[in-house]
Amino acid sequence: MQNISMKFTCLCSALKQEIEYASSFAGKRNSLSISSNVYLSTANDELVIKAMDQNLGFSSTIEVNTVVSGATTVFCEKLNEILKNMPDIEIEVSDSDGSLTIKPAEAEGSKKIDISIKTIDADKFPELESIDENLFFTISQKEYFDMIDKTLFAVAAKDDTRHFLSGVFMEKKDGKLVMVGTDGKKLSCVRRSFEQEIPDFVPVILIEKFLNMVKVLGTGEGVLSLAPAEGRIFAKIGNRMMYAPTIMHNYPNYERVIPQNLEYSCVVRTDDVLKSLALASVFASDSATKKIYMHISDNRMELTSEGTEYGASSQEISCSYSGPDSTFTFNVSLLTMQIKKVDSEFFRISFRNPEAAMTIVPDPAKDYVFVLMPMVSGQ
C-alpha cells in the first residue's frame, strides 16, 4: 500500500508557469543536490513553491485542490521539462515512497500519462532568506521597468575585471529614485519621481539577473515592492517573491562623470539619426574599430562610415545647430545603443569639444541623461 505524503490537483499550465520561474533560481548541478530541487508544499488549497541556489531565492503561491497536505522536493529542471511537454489538462500530483507522480486528474479518453520523479525530503530544503516587511516600498512596475531598460544596457560585460560596473547602481536622492549604469565609455542616469513615497535605504548595486528576473516575473502593469538591504535586494510582485545578492563595492561618483554647462548643443530628429546610423553601420561593422564620423555644421549633420574594402557611406540630415564646425568619432554600436533608448521624437547632443564626454538627452528634456565618450585620435 502506498504511503501518500502529499497530493493535490491543479491545471497543468498554472503549475508549469511557476516551475518555469523557479527553474531560473534553482541550481543546475544534479538531482542529488538539494539546491537543484524545487520545494512543493500544499495545504488549505494552496501550493507553496520555493527555489534557491547560493544567494538567489524565489517563492510563489498558487491555488490548487489539496487532497493530502504535505511537502516534498523534486529536481526542478526535470519537472520543468516534463510540464512543458504535457497537455494543458487538470493533473494530479502526489508524493509517495520517495517518488513524485504526475498523471491526469481524470481519464483523458484512451490517453494515459503516468510519470514518476525521485524526491528528497522537504525538511532538507534550506530556509529562504527573509526581511522585515516594513522595509518594502511600492512603486509602479511600468516606470521601474523603464528605468531598467534605460540603464541596464549601459553596464559593463560580466567578464570585465571591474565587476562593480556590471550592475546597476540604485539610490534615493533628493526624494527621487536614481538608477545608473556605466561601463566607463558610456553612462546612463535616470532620476525619477514616484507617486508612492520612497523611504531612505542603503544605496545598492543590482546584478543583471535580478533586474531581468523582476521584468520576467512582472507584467508591466500595477505595482511591485522592493526592499534593498545590506548585501541583498528583495522584490515582491503579486504572489511571487524573489531576492538576490547585490554587488558589494563603492560605486564611482557618477555625478562627476556627467558634464555640466556644455557650450554647444545640436537638436536632431531621433528617427533620422537611427536610419543614418543603420546605413553607416553596413560598412562600419566591417572594420575592427567600427568607427563612424559625425560632422556637425550650421543646421547640418553628416554621418559617414569609415572606408573599408567594400566601400563607404555618407548621409546628410538636417538639425538645429549654430556653433563651430565639429567632427566626432564614435563606435557605431555604442552610439546606436544610446540613441535607441531615447523615447522622444527629437534629442539634444551637448558638448564642449569633439574629444570630451558629451550628453544625449531627449528634447524637451525628461528625467534621464546619457553620457558618451567619443573615440579620440589614435583609437
Protein backbone atom coordinates (compact mmCIF):
# COMPACT_ATOMS: atom_id res chain seq x y z
CA MET A 1 0.00 0.00 0.00
CA GLN A 2 1.34 3.41 -0.98
CA ASN A 3 2.21 5.91 1.74
CA ILE A 4 1.00 9.20 0.23
CA SER A 5 2.65 12.13 1.97
CA MET A 6 1.35 14.90 -0.34
CA LYS A 7 -1.31 15.14 -3.01
CA PHE A 8 -3.03 17.92 -4.95
CA THR A 9 -4.68 18.62 -8.28
CA CYS A 10 -4.39 21.72 -10.46
CA LEU A 11 -4.36 22.88 -14.05
CA CYS A 12 -1.04 21.91 -15.65
CA SER A 13 -0.45 25.41 -17.09
CA ALA A 14 -0.72 27.04 -13.65
CA LEU A 15 1.97 24.81 -12.16
CA LYS A 16 4.10 24.93 -15.31
CA GLN A 17 4.33 28.72 -15.20
CA GLU A 18 5.62 28.81 -11.62
CA ILE A 19 8.06 25.93 -12.07
CA GLU A 20 9.49 27.67 -15.12
CA TYR A 21 10.14 30.75 -12.99
CA ALA A 22 11.57 28.61 -10.19
CA SER A 23 13.99 26.94 -12.59
CA SER A 24 15.77 30.27 -13.07
CA PHE A 25 16.68 30.23 -9.38
CA ALA A 26 17.34 26.53 -8.76
CA GLY A 27 20.82 25.06 -9.13
CA LYS A 28 21.74 23.15 -12.28
CA ARG A 29 24.07 20.56 -10.76
CA ASN A 30 22.15 17.29 -10.31
CA SER A 31 19.08 15.78 -8.68
CA LEU A 32 21.04 14.78 -5.57
CA SER A 33 21.81 18.43 -4.74
CA ILE A 34 19.02 19.92 -2.63
CA SER A 35 19.59 23.35 -4.22
CA SER A 36 18.78 21.79 -7.61
CA ASN A 37 15.37 20.81 -6.28
CA VAL A 38 12.18 22.82 -6.07
CA TYR A 39 10.20 22.77 -2.82
CA LEU A 40 6.48 21.98 -3.04
CA SER A 41 4.15 22.26 -0.04
CA THR A 42 0.37 22.12 -0.12
CA ALA A 43 -2.30 22.81 2.49
CA ASN A 44 -5.65 24.61 2.58
CA ASP A 45 -5.93 24.54 -1.22
CA GLU A 46 -2.68 26.45 -1.71
CA LEU A 47 0.64 25.30 -3.12
CA VAL A 48 3.84 26.98 -1.97
CA ILE A 49 6.75 26.75 -4.41
CA LYS A 50 10.33 27.61 -3.44
CA ALA A 51 13.69 27.52 -5.20
CA MET A 52 17.14 28.72 -4.26
CA ASP A 53 20.77 28.48 -5.28
CA GLN A 54 23.62 30.10 -3.40
CA ASN A 55 22.44 33.69 -2.78
CA LEU A 56 19.35 33.65 -5.02
CA GLY A 57 15.87 32.77 -3.82
CA PHE A 58 12.30 32.57 -5.15
CA SER A 59 8.90 31.70 -3.74
CA SER A 60 5.39 31.65 -5.13
CA THR A 61 1.89 30.61 -4.08
CA ILE A 62 -0.89 29.34 -6.34
CA GLU A 63 -4.38 27.91 -5.78
CA VAL A 64 -4.75 24.12 -6.03
CA ASN A 65 -7.10 21.48 -4.73
CA THR A 66 -5.31 19.98 -1.72
CA VAL A 67 -6.11 16.28 -1.26
CA VAL A 68 -3.36 15.42 1.24
CA SER A 69 -1.41 18.18 2.98
CA GLY A 70 2.34 17.76 2.88
CA ALA A 71 5.66 18.84 1.36
CA THR A 72 8.45 17.43 -0.76
CA THR A 73 11.25 18.49 -3.12
CA VAL A 74 11.98 17.32 -6.67
CA PHE A 75 14.65 18.02 -9.30
CA CYS A 76 13.46 21.34 -10.73
CA GLU A 77 14.99 21.05 -14.19
CA LYS A 78 13.32 17.70 -14.89
CA LEU A 79 9.95 18.81 -13.51
CA ASN A 80 10.14 21.90 -15.70
CA GLU A 81 10.86 19.82 -18.82
CA ILE A 82 8.03 17.39 -18.03
CA LEU A 83 5.42 20.09 -17.50
CA LYS A 84 6.45 21.89 -20.70
CA ASN A 85 5.64 18.75 -22.67
CA MET A 86 2.35 17.89 -21.02
CA PRO A 87 -1.06 18.92 -22.38
CA ASP A 88 -2.91 21.68 -20.56
CA ILE A 89 -5.17 19.44 -18.52
CA GLU A 90 -6.10 19.01 -14.88
CA ILE A 91 -3.29 16.98 -13.32
CA GLU A 92 -2.86 15.04 -10.10
CA VAL A 93 0.48 15.41 -8.33
CA SER A 94 1.30 13.11 -5.43
CA ASP A 95 4.36 12.14 -3.42
CA SER A 96 4.69 8.62 -2.05
CA ASP A 97 7.61 6.37 -1.14
CA GLY A 98 10.23 8.80 -2.44
CA SER A 99 8.65 9.46 -5.85
CA LEU A 100 6.57 12.32 -7.22
CA THR A 101 3.87 11.01 -9.56
CA ILE A 102 2.17 13.19 -12.17
CA LYS A 103 -0.85 11.99 -14.12
CA PRO A 104 -4.18 13.28 -15.44
CA ALA A 105 -6.66 14.02 -12.66
CA GLU A 106 -9.31 12.24 -14.72
CA ALA A 107 -9.10 9.78 -17.59
CA GLU A 108 -8.50 11.59 -20.88
CA GLY A 109 -10.10 9.12 -23.30
CA SER A 110 -7.58 6.44 -24.24
CA LYS A 111 -4.61 8.67 -23.33
CA LYS A 112 -2.62 7.58 -20.31
CA ILE A 113 0.16 9.60 -18.71
CA ASP A 114 1.95 8.39 -15.61
CA ILE A 115 5.28 9.99 -14.72
CA SER A 116 7.43 9.49 -11.62
CA ILE A 117 10.41 11.55 -10.42
CA LYS A 118 12.56 10.80 -7.38
CA THR A 119 12.16 13.20 -4.46
CA ILE A 120 14.20 14.40 -1.48
CA ASP A 121 12.60 15.03 1.92
CA ALA A 122 11.30 18.56 2.30
CA ASP A 123 12.96 19.01 5.69
CA LYS A 124 16.35 19.01 3.94
CA PHE A 125 15.42 22.16 1.96
CA PRO A 126 17.06 25.28 3.48
CA GLU A 127 15.01 28.21 4.71
CA LEU A 128 14.77 31.10 2.27
CA GLU A 129 16.10 34.42 3.49
CA SER A 130 13.61 36.97 4.74
CA ILE A 131 13.46 40.67 5.54
CA ASP A 132 11.35 42.94 7.70
CA GLU A 133 8.10 43.64 5.81
CA ASN A 134 8.33 47.30 6.90
CA LEU A 135 11.39 47.76 4.69
CA PHE A 136 9.43 47.20 1.46
CA PHE A 137 8.27 50.18 -0.59
CA THR A 138 5.87 50.04 -3.53
CA ILE A 139 6.35 51.63 -6.95
CA SER A 140 4.92 51.40 -10.46
CA GLN A 141 6.06 48.36 -12.46
CA LYS A 142 5.87 50.27 -15.73
CA GLU A 143 8.08 53.12 -14.50
CA TYR A 144 10.60 50.84 -12.80
CA PHE A 145 10.89 48.58 -15.84
CA ASP A 146 11.53 51.66 -17.98
CA MET A 147 14.33 52.68 -15.60
CA ILE A 148 15.84 49.20 -16.00
CA ASP A 149 15.66 49.49 -19.81
CA LYS A 150 17.38 52.86 -19.76
CA THR A 151 20.28 51.78 -17.52
CA LEU A 152 20.98 48.06 -17.80
CA PHE A 153 22.19 48.32 -21.42
CA ALA A 154 25.00 50.63 -20.30
CA VAL A 155 26.68 48.33 -17.75
CA ALA A 156 29.97 46.55 -18.31
CA ALA A 157 30.14 42.96 -19.54
CA LYS A 158 30.26 40.29 -16.84
CA ASP A 159 33.84 39.37 -17.75
CA ASP A 160 35.05 42.93 -17.18
CA THR A 161 37.60 43.00 -14.36
CA ARG A 162 35.71 45.94 -12.84
CA HIS A 163 32.89 43.68 -11.68
CA PHE A 164 31.20 46.53 -9.81
CA LEU A 165 30.38 48.13 -13.17
CA SER A 166 28.46 45.03 -14.32
CA GLY A 167 25.46 46.04 -12.20
CA VAL A 168 23.07 48.99 -11.98
CA PHE A 169 23.54 51.42 -9.09
CA MET A 170 20.35 52.42 -7.26
CA GLU A 171 19.88 55.04 -4.56
CA LYS A 172 17.38 57.54 -3.22
CA LYS A 173 18.47 61.14 -3.65
CA ASP A 174 16.51 64.36 -3.23
CA GLY A 175 13.30 62.36 -2.86
CA LYS A 176 13.80 60.59 -6.20
CA LEU A 177 14.79 57.07 -7.16
CA VAL A 178 18.08 57.17 -9.06
CA MET A 179 19.46 54.36 -11.23
CA VAL A 180 22.81 54.48 -13.04
CA GLY A 181 24.58 52.15 -15.44
CA THR A 182 28.07 52.63 -16.88
CA ASP A 183 30.98 50.70 -18.36
CA GLY A 184 33.42 53.62 -18.40
CA LYS A 185 32.73 54.53 -22.05
CA LYS A 186 29.02 55.23 -21.79
CA LEU A 187 26.75 56.13 -18.89
CA SER A 188 23.01 56.31 -18.34
CA CYS A 189 21.37 58.03 -15.38
CA VAL A 190 17.64 58.18 -14.56
CA ARG A 191 16.28 60.30 -11.72
CA ARG A 192 12.58 59.55 -11.32
CA SER A 193 9.83 60.75 -9.02
CA PHE A 194 7.08 58.34 -8.00
CA GLU A 195 3.61 58.91 -6.62
CA GLN A 196 4.46 56.46 -3.86
CA GLU A 197 6.77 57.58 -1.07
CA ILE A 198 10.24 56.03 -1.20
CA PRO A 199 11.91 55.58 2.19
CA ASP A 200 15.62 56.09 2.74
CA PHE A 201 17.71 52.99 2.03
CA VAL A 202 21.34 51.99 1.71
CA PRO A 203 22.49 52.50 -1.93
CA VAL A 204 22.96 49.18 -3.75
CA ILE A 205 24.46 47.82 -6.97
CA LEU A 206 21.92 45.45 -8.53
CA ILE A 207 23.06 42.43 -10.52
CA GLU A 208 21.81 41.88 -14.06
CA LYS A 209 19.93 38.67 -13.20
CA PHE A 210 17.84 40.38 -10.54
CA LEU A 211 16.80 43.16 -12.91
CA ASN A 212 15.98 40.75 -15.73
CA MET A 213 14.00 38.42 -13.47
CA VAL A 214 11.98 41.29 -11.98
CA LYS A 215 10.78 42.04 -15.51
CA VAL A 216 10.10 38.36 -16.23
CA LEU A 217 8.00 37.96 -13.07
CA GLY A 218 6.11 41.19 -13.66
CA THR A 219 3.55 42.27 -16.23
CA GLY A 220 4.45 45.94 -16.59
CA GLU A 221 1.10 46.83 -15.03
CA GLY A 222 0.29 47.59 -11.40
CA VAL A 223 2.97 47.82 -8.74
CA LEU A 224 5.91 45.92 -7.30
CA SER A 225 7.56 46.13 -3.90
CA LEU A 226 11.29 46.46 -3.28
CA ALA A 227 13.36 46.13 -0.12
CA PRO A 228 17.06 46.99 -0.56
CA ALA A 229 19.30 45.90 2.30
CA GLU A 230 22.99 45.45 3.01
CA GLY A 231 24.16 42.76 0.59
CA ARG A 232 20.64 41.82 -0.57
CA ILE A 233 17.68 43.11 -2.59
CA PHE A 234 14.18 41.68 -2.22
CA ALA A 235 11.24 42.09 -4.60
CA LYS A 236 7.57 41.11 -4.39
CA ILE A 237 5.29 41.03 -7.43
CA GLY A 238 1.79 39.69 -6.86
CA ASN A 239 2.04 36.18 -5.38
CA ARG A 240 5.79 35.94 -6.08
CA MET A 241 8.86 36.94 -4.06
CA MET A 242 12.50 36.85 -5.05
CA TYR A 243 15.82 38.01 -3.67
CA ALA A 244 19.36 38.30 -4.99
CA PRO A 245 22.77 39.43 -3.78
CA THR A 246 23.95 42.93 -4.51
CA ILE A 247 27.49 43.84 -5.57
CA MET A 248 29.41 44.97 -2.51
CA HIS A 249 31.69 47.73 -3.78
CA ASN A 250 31.93 51.51 -3.77
CA TYR A 251 30.32 52.85 -6.94
CA PRO A 252 32.07 55.64 -8.88
CA ASN A 253 30.82 59.19 -8.34
CA TYR A 254 28.52 59.25 -11.36
CA GLU A 255 27.61 62.92 -10.90
CA ARG A 256 31.19 63.91 -11.62
CA VAL A 257 31.06 61.95 -14.87
CA ILE A 258 28.03 63.84 -16.18
CA PRO A 259 29.44 67.02 -17.78
CA GLN A 260 27.71 70.29 -16.94
CA ASN A 261 27.42 73.71 -18.61
CA LEU A 262 28.32 72.45 -22.07
CA GLU A 263 28.74 75.29 -24.58
CA TYR A 264 27.29 73.75 -27.73
CA SER A 265 24.09 71.87 -28.49
CA CYS A 266 22.58 70.21 -31.53
CA VAL A 267 18.93 69.12 -31.76
CA VAL A 268 18.04 66.45 -34.32
CA ARG A 269 15.20 64.05 -35.11
CA THR A 270 15.77 60.69 -33.43
CA ASP A 271 14.48 58.54 -36.28
CA ASP A 272 16.61 60.39 -38.86
CA VAL A 273 19.78 59.63 -36.92
CA LEU A 274 18.88 55.98 -36.29
CA LYS A 275 18.26 55.41 -40.01
CA SER A 276 21.55 57.10 -40.90
CA LEU A 277 23.42 55.03 -38.31
CA ALA A 278 21.89 51.85 -39.71
CA LEU A 279 23.20 52.79 -43.15
CA ALA A 280 26.63 53.76 -41.84
CA SER A 281 26.93 50.53 -39.86
CA VAL A 282 26.71 48.48 -43.09
CA PHE A 283 30.35 49.37 -43.69
CA ALA A 284 31.48 50.42 -40.21
CA SER A 285 30.72 46.97 -38.82
CA ASP A 286 33.31 45.50 -41.20
CA SER A 287 36.16 47.46 -39.59
CA ALA A 288 37.91 46.45 -36.39
CA THR A 289 37.12 49.75 -34.65
CA LYS A 290 33.55 50.10 -36.01
CA LYS A 291 34.19 53.82 -36.46
CA ILE A 292 31.76 56.34 -37.81
CA TYR A 293 32.25 60.09 -38.13
CA MET A 294 29.67 62.69 -37.20
CA HIS A 295 30.27 66.15 -38.67
CA ILE A 296 28.07 68.99 -37.39
CA SER A 297 27.94 72.43 -39.01
CA ASP A 298 25.22 75.08 -39.38
CA ASN A 299 21.90 73.16 -39.26
CA ARG A 300 23.50 70.13 -40.88
CA MET A 301 24.69 66.76 -39.58
CA GLU A 302 26.64 64.33 -41.72
CA LEU A 303 27.21 60.69 -40.69
CA THR A 304 30.00 58.90 -42.54
CA SER A 305 31.27 55.36 -42.16
CA GLU A 306 34.94 54.52 -42.09
CA GLY A 307 36.01 53.29 -45.51
CA THR A 308 36.59 49.54 -45.89
CA GLU A 309 37.49 47.24 -48.75
CA TYR A 310 33.78 47.08 -49.56
CA GLY A 311 33.24 50.84 -49.71
CA ALA A 312 31.85 53.63 -47.52
CA SER A 313 28.62 55.54 -46.88
CA SER A 314 27.70 59.12 -46.13
CA GLN A 315 24.35 60.67 -45.33
CA GLU A 316 23.36 64.24 -44.52
CA ILE A 317 20.40 65.15 -42.32
CA SER A 318 19.04 68.46 -41.07
CA CYS A 319 19.42 69.58 -37.47
CA SER A 320 19.24 72.69 -35.34
CA TYR A 321 22.77 73.88 -34.59
CA SER A 322 24.80 77.06 -34.57
CA GLY A 323 28.36 76.70 -33.42
CA PRO A 324 31.79 75.80 -34.70
CA ASP A 325 32.14 73.02 -37.25
CA SER A 326 32.81 69.88 -35.20
CA THR A 327 33.69 66.31 -36.15
CA PHE A 328 33.24 63.41 -33.72
CA THR A 329 34.42 59.83 -33.99
CA PHE A 330 32.20 57.14 -32.46
CA ASN A 331 31.92 53.41 -32.18
CA VAL A 332 28.72 52.93 -34.19
CA SER A 333 27.35 50.28 -31.83
CA LEU A 334 27.74 52.43 -28.70
CA LEU A 335 26.14 55.48 -30.29
CA THR A 336 23.26 53.48 -31.75
CA MET A 337 22.69 51.72 -28.43
CA GLN A 338 22.12 55.01 -26.61
CA ILE A 339 20.01 56.74 -29.22
CA LYS A 340 17.68 53.72 -29.44
CA LYS A 341 16.83 54.34 -25.77
CA VAL A 342 15.64 57.89 -26.46
CA ASP A 343 11.84 57.82 -26.23
CA SER A 344 11.28 61.19 -27.86
CA GLU A 345 10.89 62.49 -31.43
CA PHE A 346 13.94 64.74 -31.01
CA PHE A 347 17.10 64.56 -28.91
CA ARG A 348 19.83 67.00 -27.99
CA ILE A 349 23.59 66.41 -28.15
CA SER A 350 25.57 68.80 -25.94
CA PHE A 351 29.35 69.03 -25.91
CA ARG A 352 32.40 71.10 -25.14
CA ASN A 353 34.75 69.75 -27.79
CA PRO A 354 34.79 66.66 -30.07
CA GLU A 355 37.07 64.61 -27.82
CA ALA A 356 35.39 65.21 -24.46
CA ALA A 357 32.40 63.47 -22.88
CA MET A 358 29.08 64.59 -24.35
CA THR A 359 25.47 64.27 -23.18
CA ILE A 360 22.47 62.94 -25.06
CA VAL A 361 19.03 63.87 -23.73
CA PRO A 362 15.51 63.92 -25.17
CA ASP A 363 14.27 67.30 -26.37
CA PRO A 364 12.31 68.56 -24.49
CA ALA A 365 14.34 67.17 -21.58
CA LYS A 366 12.95 64.39 -19.38
CA ASP A 367 14.31 62.67 -16.27
CA TYR A 368 17.25 60.84 -17.85
CA VAL A 369 20.59 61.62 -19.43
CA PHE A 370 23.06 59.54 -21.43
CA VAL A 371 26.79 60.28 -21.47
CA LEU A 372 29.05 59.05 -24.24
CA MET A 373 32.80 59.35 -24.69
CA PRO A 374 33.77 59.87 -28.35
CA MET A 375 36.77 57.99 -29.68
CA VAL A 376 39.89 60.12 -29.55
CA SER A 377 42.66 60.37 -32.10
CA GLY A 378 44.66 57.17 -32.35
CA GLN A 379 41.85 54.86 -31.25
